[in-house]
PDB file of N, CA and C in Angstrom:
ATOM      1  N   MET A   1     -27.728  44.009-163.449  1.00  0.00           N
ATOM      2  CA  MET A   1     -28.207  44.950-162.452  1.00  0.00           C
ATOM      3  C   MET A   1     -28.821  44.157-161.294  1.00  0.00           C
ATOM      4  N   LYS A   2     -28.865  44.830-160.141  1.00  0.00           N
ATOM      5  CA  LYS A   2     -29.522  44.245-158.975  1.00  0.00           C
ATOM      6  C   LYS A   2     -30.207  45.350-158.196  1.00  0.00           C
ATOM      7  N   VAL A   3     -31.151  44.958-157.351  1.00  0.00           N
ATOM      8  CA  VAL A   3     -31.880  45.894-156.492  1.00  0.00           C
ATOM      9  C   VAL A   3     -31.415  45.640-155.063  1.00  0.00           C
ATOM     10  N   ILE A   4     -31.062  46.725-154.369  1.00  0.00           N
ATOM     11  CA  ILE A   4     -30.600  46.592-152.990  1.00  0.00           C
ATOM     12  C   ILE A   4     -31.488  47.402-152.052  1.00  0.00           C
ATOM     13  N   ARG A   5     -31.505  46.976-150.808  1.00  0.00           N
ATOM     14  CA  ARG A   5     -32.178  47.726-149.747  1.00  0.00           C
ATOM     15  C   ARG A   5     -31.152  48.667-149.141  1.00  0.00           C
ATOM     16  N   VAL A   6     -31.537  49.934-148.983  1.00  0.00           N
ATOM     17  CA  VAL A   6     -30.688  50.937-148.337  1.00  0.00           C
ATOM     18  C   VAL A   6     -31.495  51.619-147.238  1.00  0.00           C
ATOM     19  N   SER A   7     -30.804  52.371-146.387  1.00  0.00           N
ATOM     20  CA  SER A   7     -31.472  53.101-145.316  1.00  0.00           C
ATOM     21  C   SER A   7     -32.134  54.352-145.877  1.00  0.00           C
ATOM     22  N   ASN A   8     -33.403  54.515-145.608  1.00  0.00           N
ATOM     23  CA  ASN A   8     -34.130  55.697-146.048  1.00  0.00           C
ATOM     24  C   ASN A   8     -33.627  56.958-145.341  1.00  0.00           C
ATOM     25  N   TYR A   9     -32.983  56.780-144.178  1.00  0.00           N
ATOM     26  CA  TYR A   9     -32.528  57.918-143.385  1.00  0.00           C
ATOM     27  C   TYR A   9     -31.011  58.021-143.326  1.00  0.00           C
ATOM     28  N   ASP A  10     -30.316  57.319-144.218  1.00  0.00           N
ATOM     29  CA  ASP A  10     -28.847  57.348-144.290  1.00  0.00           C
ATOM     30  C   ASP A  10     -28.181  56.995-142.970  1.00  0.00           C
ATOM     31  N   HIS A  11     -28.723  56.005-142.281  1.00  0.00           N
ATOM     32  CA  HIS A  11     -28.101  55.537-141.041  1.00  0.00           C
ATOM     33  C   HIS A  11     -26.694  55.044-141.339  1.00  0.00           C
ATOM     34  N   GLU A  12     -25.774  55.308-140.443  1.00  0.00           N
ATOM     35  CA  GLU A  12     -24.402  54.842-140.595  1.00  0.00           C
ATOM     36  C   GLU A  12     -24.061  53.808-139.529  1.00  0.00           C
ATOM     37  N   ASP A  13     -25.083  53.124-139.019  1.00  0.00           N
ATOM     38  CA  ASP A  13     -24.886  52.042-138.072  1.00  0.00           C
ATOM     39  C   ASP A  13     -25.500  50.781-138.671  1.00  0.00           C
ATOM     40  N   TRP A  14     -25.797  49.773-137.863  1.00  0.00           N
ATOM     41  CA  TRP A  14     -26.339  48.521-138.377  1.00  0.00           C
ATOM     42  C   TRP A  14     -27.644  48.704-139.143  1.00  0.00           C
ATOM     43  N   GLN A  15     -28.384  49.776-138.841  1.00  0.00           N
ATOM     44  CA  GLN A  15     -29.645  50.028-139.545  1.00  0.00           C
ATOM     45  C   GLN A  15     -29.403  50.442-140.999  1.00  0.00           C
ATOM     46  N   GLY A  16     -28.198  50.847-141.304  1.00  0.00           N
ATOM     47  CA  GLY A  16     -27.871  51.272-142.661  1.00  0.00           C
ATOM     48  C   GLY A  16     -27.294  50.175-143.529  1.00  0.00           C
ATOM     49  N   ASP A  17     -27.215  48.948-142.998  1.00  0.00           N
ATOM     50  CA  ASP A  17     -26.686  47.844-143.797  1.00  0.00           C
ATOM     51  C   ASP A  17     -27.481  47.690-145.090  1.00  0.00           C
ATOM     52  N   GLN A  18     -26.755  47.444-146.157  1.00  0.00           N
ATOM     53  CA  GLN A  18     -27.377  47.229-147.455  1.00  0.00           C
ATOM     54  C   GLN A  18     -27.367  45.742-147.762  1.00  0.00           C
ATOM     55  N   TYR A  19     -28.412  45.271-148.441  1.00  0.00           N
ATOM     56  CA  TYR A  19     -28.436  43.880-148.872  1.00  0.00           C
ATOM     57  C   TYR A  19     -29.248  43.749-150.149  1.00  0.00           C
ATOM     58  N   VAL A  20     -28.963  42.700-150.890  1.00  0.00           N
ATOM     59  CA  VAL A  20     -29.599  42.453-152.190  1.00  0.00           C
ATOM     60  C   VAL A  20     -30.997  41.890-151.963  1.00  0.00           C
ATOM     61  N   VAL A  21     -31.976  42.455-152.674  1.00  0.00           N
ATOM     62  CA  VAL A  21     -33.345  41.945-152.595  1.00  0.00           C
ATOM     63  C   VAL A  21     -33.812  41.352-153.918  1.00  0.00           C
ATOM     64  N   ALA A  22     -33.118  41.665-155.025  1.00  0.00           N
ATOM     65  CA  ALA A  22     -33.447  41.090-156.336  1.00  0.00           C
ATOM     66  C   ALA A  22     -32.207  41.142-157.224  1.00  0.00           C
ATOM     67  N   GLY A  23     -31.995  40.079-157.964  1.00  0.00           N
ATOM     68  CA  GLY A  23     -30.820  40.016-158.828  1.00  0.00           C
ATOM     69  C   GLY A  23     -29.734  39.216-158.134  1.00  0.00           C
ATOM     70  N   PRO A  24     -28.540  39.272-158.609  1.00  0.00           N
ATOM     71  CA  PRO A  24     -28.019  40.019-159.752  1.00  0.00           C
ATOM     72  C   PRO A  24     -28.427  39.387-161.079  1.00  0.00           C
ATOM     73  N   GLY A  25     -28.076  40.065-162.141  1.00  0.00           N
ATOM     74  CA  GLY A  25     -28.351  39.559-163.476  1.00  0.00           C
ATOM     75  C   GLY A  25     -29.633  40.063-164.087  1.00  0.00           C
ATOM     76  N   LEU A  26     -30.289  41.029-163.455  1.00  0.00           N
ATOM     77  CA  LEU A  26     -31.509  41.602-164.027  1.00  0.00           C
ATOM     78  C   LEU A  26     -31.148  42.580-165.137  1.00  0.00           C
ATOM     79  N   SER A  27     -32.033  42.698-166.107  1.00  0.00           N
ATOM     80  CA  SER A  27     -31.850  43.743-167.110  1.00  0.00           C
ATOM     81  C   SER A  27     -32.158  45.081-166.444  1.00  0.00           C
ATOM     82  N   PRO A  28     -31.693  46.189-167.006  1.00  0.00           N
ATOM     83  CA  PRO A  28     -32.007  47.493-166.414  1.00  0.00           C
ATOM     84  C   PRO A  28     -33.513  47.732-166.274  1.00  0.00           C
ATOM     85  N   GLU A  29     -34.284  47.280-167.246  1.00  0.00           N
ATOM     86  CA  GLU A  29     -35.733  47.471-167.198  1.00  0.00           C
ATOM     87  C   GLU A  29     -36.358  46.643-166.082  1.00  0.00           C
ATOM     88  N   GLN A  30     -35.929  45.380-165.963  1.00  0.00           N
ATOM     89  CA  GLN A  30     -36.450  44.516-164.893  1.00  0.00           C
ATOM     90  C   GLN A  30     -36.100  45.085-163.523  1.00  0.00           C
ATOM     91  N   ALA A  31     -34.871  45.544-163.371  1.00  0.00           N
ATOM     92  CA  ALA A  31     -34.436  46.095-162.088  1.00  0.00           C
ATOM     93  C   ALA A  31     -35.235  47.340-161.729  1.00  0.00           C
ATOM     94  N   LYS A  32     -35.486  48.189-162.713  1.00  0.00           N
ATOM     95  CA  LYS A  32     -36.250  49.415-162.462  1.00  0.00           C
ATOM     96  C   LYS A  32     -37.673  49.082-162.005  1.00  0.00           C
ATOM     97  N   VAL A  33     -38.309  48.140-162.673  1.00  0.00           N
ATOM     98  CA  VAL A  33     -39.672  47.741-162.310  1.00  0.00           C
ATOM     99  C   VAL A  33     -39.692  47.163-160.900  1.00  0.00           C
ATOM    100  N   GLU A  34     -38.752  46.265-160.599  1.00  0.00           N
ATOM    101  CA  GLU A  34     -38.684  45.648-159.265  1.00  0.00           C
ATOM    102  C   GLU A  34     -38.473  46.708-158.190  1.00  0.00           C
ATOM    103  N   CYS A  35     -37.584  47.658-158.454  1.00  0.00           N
ATOM    104  CA  CYS A  35     -37.296  48.724-157.502  1.00  0.00           C
ATOM    105  C   CYS A  35     -38.530  49.589-157.255  1.00  0.00           C
ATOM    106  N   GLU A  36     -39.219  49.970-158.304  1.00  0.00           N
ATOM    107  CA  GLU A  36     -40.419  50.796-158.169  1.00  0.00           C
ATOM    108  C   GLU A  36     -41.515  50.066-157.401  1.00  0.00           C
ATOM    109  N   LEU A  37     -41.661  48.764-157.646  1.00  0.00           N
ATOM    110  CA  LEU A  37     -42.664  47.986-156.908  1.00  0.00           C
ATOM    111  C   LEU A  37     -42.352  47.960-155.417  1.00  0.00           C
ATOM    112  N   ARG A  38     -41.091  47.740-155.077  1.00  0.00           N
ATOM    113  CA  ARG A  38     -40.701  47.671-153.668  1.00  0.00           C
ATOM    114  C   ARG A  38     -40.811  49.036-152.986  1.00  0.00           C
ATOM    115  N   CYS A  39     -40.402  50.089-153.659  1.00  0.00           N
ATOM    116  CA  CYS A  39     -40.487  51.432-153.065  1.00  0.00           C
ATOM    117  C   CYS A  39     -41.940  51.877-152.898  1.00  0.00           C
ATOM    118  N   GLY A  40     -42.812  51.403-153.776  1.00  0.00           N
ATOM    119  CA  GLY A  40     -44.221  51.788-153.716  1.00  0.00           C
ATOM    120  C   GLY A  40     -45.085  50.907-152.835  1.00  0.00           C
ATOM    121  N   ASP A  41     -44.508  49.873-152.260  1.00  0.00           N
ATOM    122  CA  ASP A  41     -45.259  48.942-151.412  1.00  0.00           C
ATOM    123  C   ASP A  41     -45.706  49.656-150.136  1.00  0.00           C
ATOM    124  N   ARG A  42     -46.994  49.691-149.888  1.00  0.00           N
ATOM    125  CA  ARG A  42     -47.532  50.389-148.710  1.00  0.00           C
ATOM    126  C   ARG A  42     -47.158  49.694-147.410  1.00  0.00           C
ATOM    127  N   ARG A  43     -46.751  48.425-147.477  1.00  0.00           N
ATOM    128  CA  ARG A  43     -46.348  47.693-146.274  1.00  0.00           C
ATOM    129  C   ARG A  43     -44.860  47.857-145.980  1.00  0.00           C
ATOM    130  N   ARG A  44     -44.149  48.582-146.837  1.00  0.00           N
ATOM    131  CA  ARG A  44     -42.711  48.799-146.670  1.00  0.00           C
ATOM    132  C   ARG A  44     -42.452  49.595-145.405  1.00  0.00           C
ATOM    133  N   SER A  45     -41.427  49.204-144.670  1.00  0.00           N
ATOM    134  CA  SER A  45     -41.022  49.952-143.480  1.00  0.00           C
ATOM    135  C   SER A  45     -40.508  51.322-143.901  1.00  0.00           C
ATOM    136  N   GLY A  46     -40.740  52.332-143.086  1.00  0.00           N
ATOM    137  CA  GLY A  46     -40.236  53.668-143.370  1.00  0.00           C
ATOM    138  C   GLY A  46     -38.722  53.747-143.371  1.00  0.00           C
ATOM    139  N   GLU A  47     -38.076  52.758-142.767  1.00  0.00           N
ATOM    140  CA  GLU A  47     -36.612  52.698-142.725  1.00  0.00           C
ATOM    141  C   GLU A  47     -36.011  52.226-144.044  1.00  0.00           C
ATOM    142  N   ASP A  48     -36.794  51.500-144.833  1.00  0.00           N
ATOM    143  CA  ASP A  48     -36.275  50.859-146.038  1.00  0.00           C
ATOM    144  C   ASP A  48     -36.499  51.695-147.290  1.00  0.00           C
ATOM    145  N   TRP A  49     -35.518  51.671-148.157  1.00  0.00           N
ATOM    146  CA  TRP A  49     -35.628  52.244-149.494  1.00  0.00           C
ATOM    147  C   TRP A  49     -34.851  51.336-150.411  1.00  0.00           C
ATOM    148  N   TYR A  50     -35.111  51.392-151.682  1.00  0.00           N
ATOM    149  CA  TYR A  50     -34.501  50.465-152.632  1.00  0.00           C
ATOM    150  C   TYR A  50     -33.863  51.223-153.778  1.00  0.00           C
ATOM    151  N   ARG A  51     -32.738  50.688-154.259  1.00  0.00           N
ATOM    152  CA  ARG A  51     -31.990  51.307-155.345  1.00  0.00           C
ATOM    153  C   ARG A  51     -31.553  50.249-156.342  1.00  0.00           C
ATOM    154  N   VAL A  52     -31.429  50.673-157.600  1.00  0.00           N
ATOM    155  CA  VAL A  52     -30.876  49.824-158.645  1.00  0.00           C
ATOM    156  C   VAL A  52     -29.390  50.149-158.746  1.00  0.00           C
ATOM    157  N   VAL A  53     -28.563  49.111-158.715  1.00  0.00           N
ATOM    158  CA  VAL A  53     -27.113  49.280-158.786  1.00  0.00           C
ATOM    159  C   VAL A  53     -26.537  48.227-159.727  1.00  0.00           C
ATOM    160  N   PRO A  54     -25.311  48.460-160.228  1.00  0.00           N
ATOM    161  CA  PRO A  54     -24.660  47.443-161.062  1.00  0.00           C
ATOM    162  C   PRO A  54     -24.355  46.175-160.263  1.00  0.00           C
ATOM    163  N   ASP A  55     -24.189  45.066-160.957  1.00  0.00           N
ATOM    164  CA  ASP A  55     -23.910  43.788-160.291  1.00  0.00           C
ATOM    165  C   ASP A  55     -22.632  43.819-159.464  1.00  0.00           C
ATOM    166  N   ASP A  56     -21.660  44.652-159.822  1.00  0.00           N
ATOM    167  CA  ASP A  56     -20.387  44.694-159.096  1.00  0.00           C
ATOM    168  C   ASP A  56     -20.363  45.724-157.966  1.00  0.00           C
ATOM    169  N   TYR A  57     -21.505  46.320-157.634  1.00  0.00           N
ATOM    170  CA  TYR A  57     -21.601  47.301-156.555  1.00  0.00           C
ATOM    171  C   TYR A  57     -21.246  46.646-155.219  1.00  0.00           C
ATOM    172  N   LYS A  58     -20.415  47.299-154.418  1.00  0.00           N
ATOM    173  CA  LYS A  58     -20.023  46.781-153.095  1.00  0.00           C
ATOM    174  C   LYS A  58     -21.007  47.290-152.042  1.00  0.00           C
ATOM    175  N   LEU A  59     -21.630  46.368-151.327  1.00  0.00           N
ATOM    176  CA  LEU A  59     -22.631  46.705-150.318  1.00  0.00           C
ATOM    177  C   LEU A  59     -21.989  47.294-149.064  1.00  0.00           C
ATOM    178  N   PHE A  60     -22.690  48.242-148.428  1.00  0.00           N
ATOM    179  CA  PHE A  60     -22.256  48.807-147.157  1.00  0.00           C
ATOM    180  C   PHE A  60     -22.694  47.881-146.036  1.00  0.00           C
ATOM    181  N   LYS A  61     -21.769  47.505-145.195  1.00  0.00           N
ATOM    182  CA  LYS A  61     -22.063  46.728-143.983  1.00  0.00           C
ATOM    183  C   LYS A  61     -21.387  47.429-142.818  1.00  0.00           C
ATOM    184  N   PHE A  62     -22.149  47.710-141.773  1.00  0.00           N
ATOM    185  CA  PHE A  62     -21.617  48.377-140.587  1.00  0.00           C
ATOM    186  C   PHE A  62     -20.622  47.455-139.889  1.00  0.00           C
ATOM    187  N   ALA A  63     -19.478  48.011-139.559  1.00  0.00           N
ATOM    188  CA  ALA A  63     -18.446  47.270-138.826  1.00  0.00           C
ATOM    189  C   ALA A  63     -17.888  48.190-137.752  1.00  0.00           C
ATOM    190  N   PRO A  64     -18.318  47.991-136.490  1.00  0.00           N
ATOM    191  CA  PRO A  64     -17.856  48.889-135.417  1.00  0.00           C
ATOM    192  C   PRO A  64     -16.365  48.766-135.152  1.00  0.00           C
TER     193      PRO A  64
END
């Protein structure tokens, strides 16, 4: 499992680019804890949200 950054507002432009912030290779429990810590961080930008996904998940990258 891995934790990725996603757009909190479902942007479909460069602001919606997804990228890995933890992993791959985390156990489901480790990934869940990491994701909850990042989502609960008071310093987190309102644009950012985090999700747990499988290691083979294909990231969204904006391509005009």
